[in-house]
């Protein structure tokens, strides 16, 4: 049983990050420089997560008496302020560093690039945080445990925690990319605030609900609500960013990377609706600007 739980923890930890890597590979968005992009985002996020989580555990270990985070421990006001408020704020301040320090970030100026890099860094951070947090459970798990004691924590570990870390960091980095383009507005500032508030609400709400010993299902419902709201704002922010950036692309001949039709379009494929600002870099470079309209206009004057 212990070996099964250990395997379940590892699968839960790597599930979403591996799926994201598969997506990046299938989309071929960054196939020209995969080592640089993945090394400085996912790998860098993992390094930041490892260092920061070890420091957090050195300052305060919430599980000294129970040996692993699959069991509950009582919490006080200091724990709430540290784990529920300070830690989320510090994490959101440091998680974007790998994406910000990406050497060739100038080659990826679109907002969607910042979002992708931020999500990758957040997922790398989530892996390291989970491995450190569950290290005692991985190495010294008791021989017999009731599945009800850990199945809900595994659901958080496999789904909600990586989605929270990735989405929050992605939104922060997307706002930074918008600032570099000179397009920072209230929507982007709201995105940063939303990322921090959602992270605090996730951590603080989880602590309070567990301390109140409510049904673990309600804890998952709370986490799902916070993550769902965060994903909706990510979609809202990306939608408006793509519309604005597409307006400055101009019409060009290209091949849609989704439906593979030869099209003359600006920011979106007229056949399938895919955002061309989210296309692979090779597709963007292959765009042939149409000058027919401009030439005809000059000929008439």
Foldseek 3Di string as FASTA:
>chain_A
DLVVVLVLLLCLLCVVLVVLVVVCVVQVQPVVCVCLLLCLFLVVLLVVLQVLLVVLVVVPNLPPPPQAPLADDADDPVCLCVQLAVSLVVCLVPLLVSVVVRPVCVLQLALVVQLSSQLSSLSSSLSNNSCVRGVRSNPPPDPDDDCQSHVLVSVCSRPLRSLLSSLLRSLLSSLVSCVVVVNRDPLSVVSNVLSSVLSSQLRNVLNVCVNVVDRSVVNVVSSCVSSVVSVVSSVVVVVVRLVVVQVPQAWWFFADSPPRDTDTGGQADPPPGDGPSSHHSVRVVPTGHDCVVVVVVVVVD
